[in-house]
Amino acid sequence: MRNKIFGGIGILWGGALLFRWLTSGTSDVGSSAYQSGQSAAVIFGALMLVAGLYYFFRKPN
């Protein structure tokens, strides 16, 4: 049951990060550190979404 709860949180949080990235406009202003942080957040969000989907829909033993 705990894995389903954490999986649901991962789906929501990772999905929100990816949704924010997809709906926001790209800005050419800003430092390279800001762009690197934004890219890292997208990768982290995608990993959380995939892991959340795996744990949420995994069959119990």
Protein backbone atom coordinates (compact mmCIF):
# COMPACT_ATOMS: atom_id res chain seq x y z
CA MET A 1 0.00 0.00 0.00
CA ARG A 2 2.89 2.33 0.79
CA ASN A 3 4.32 1.83 -2.70
CA LYS A 4 0.98 2.85 -4.25
CA ILE A 5 0.92 6.04 -2.18
CA PHE A 6 4.49 6.96 -3.08
CA GLY A 7 3.82 6.00 -6.69
CA GLY A 8 0.83 8.32 -6.79
CA ILE A 9 2.90 11.15 -5.34
CA GLY A 10 5.60 10.52 -7.94
CA ILE A 11 3.04 10.56 -10.75
CA LEU A 12 1.53 13.84 -9.57
CA TRP A 13 4.80 15.61 -8.82
CA GLY A 14 6.68 14.35 -11.89
CA GLY A 15 3.69 15.04 -14.11
CA ALA A 16 3.41 18.56 -12.72
CA LEU A 17 7.07 19.25 -13.45
CA LEU A 18 6.75 18.01 -17.01
CA PHE A 19 3.45 19.84 -17.54
CA ARG A 20 5.02 23.09 -16.33
CA TRP A 21 7.96 22.60 -18.71
CA LEU A 22 5.69 21.83 -21.67
CA THR A 23 3.35 24.77 -21.11
CA SER A 24 5.93 27.43 -20.28
CA GLY A 25 7.44 29.46 -23.05
CA THR A 26 11.13 29.18 -23.70
CA SER A 27 13.05 32.22 -22.62
CA ASP A 28 16.37 33.09 -24.20
CA VAL A 29 17.35 35.33 -21.30
CA GLY A 30 19.02 33.97 -18.23
CA SER A 31 22.25 32.42 -17.26
CA SER A 32 23.52 29.05 -18.28
CA ALA A 33 23.17 27.87 -14.68
CA TYR A 34 19.45 28.64 -14.81
CA GLN A 35 19.08 26.70 -18.05
CA SER A 36 21.02 23.76 -16.59
CA GLY A 37 18.79 23.73 -13.52
CA GLN A 38 15.69 23.78 -15.68
CA SER A 39 16.98 20.87 -17.75
CA ALA A 40 17.83 18.91 -14.60
CA ALA A 41 14.30 19.51 -13.27
CA VAL A 42 12.79 18.13 -16.49
CA ILE A 43 14.95 15.01 -16.31
CA PHE A 44 14.12 14.56 -12.61
CA GLY A 45 10.41 15.00 -13.34
CA ALA A 46 10.50 12.42 -16.11
CA LEU A 47 12.29 9.92 -13.88
CA MET A 48 9.79 10.50 -11.07
CA LEU A 49 6.87 10.05 -13.44
CA VAL A 50 8.23 6.77 -14.81
CA ALA A 51 9.09 5.41 -11.35
CA GLY A 52 5.70 6.50 -10.02
CA LEU A 53 3.88 4.76 -12.84
CA TYR A 54 5.91 1.60 -12.24
CA TYR A 55 5.21 1.45 -8.51
CA PHE A 56 1.58 2.51 -8.81
CA PHE A 57 0.61 -0.10 -11.41
CA ARG A 58 2.89 -2.91 -10.22
CA LYS A 59 1.07 -6.05 -9.16
CA PRO A 60 1.47 -6.88 -5.45
CA ASN A 61 3.29 -10.07 -4.48
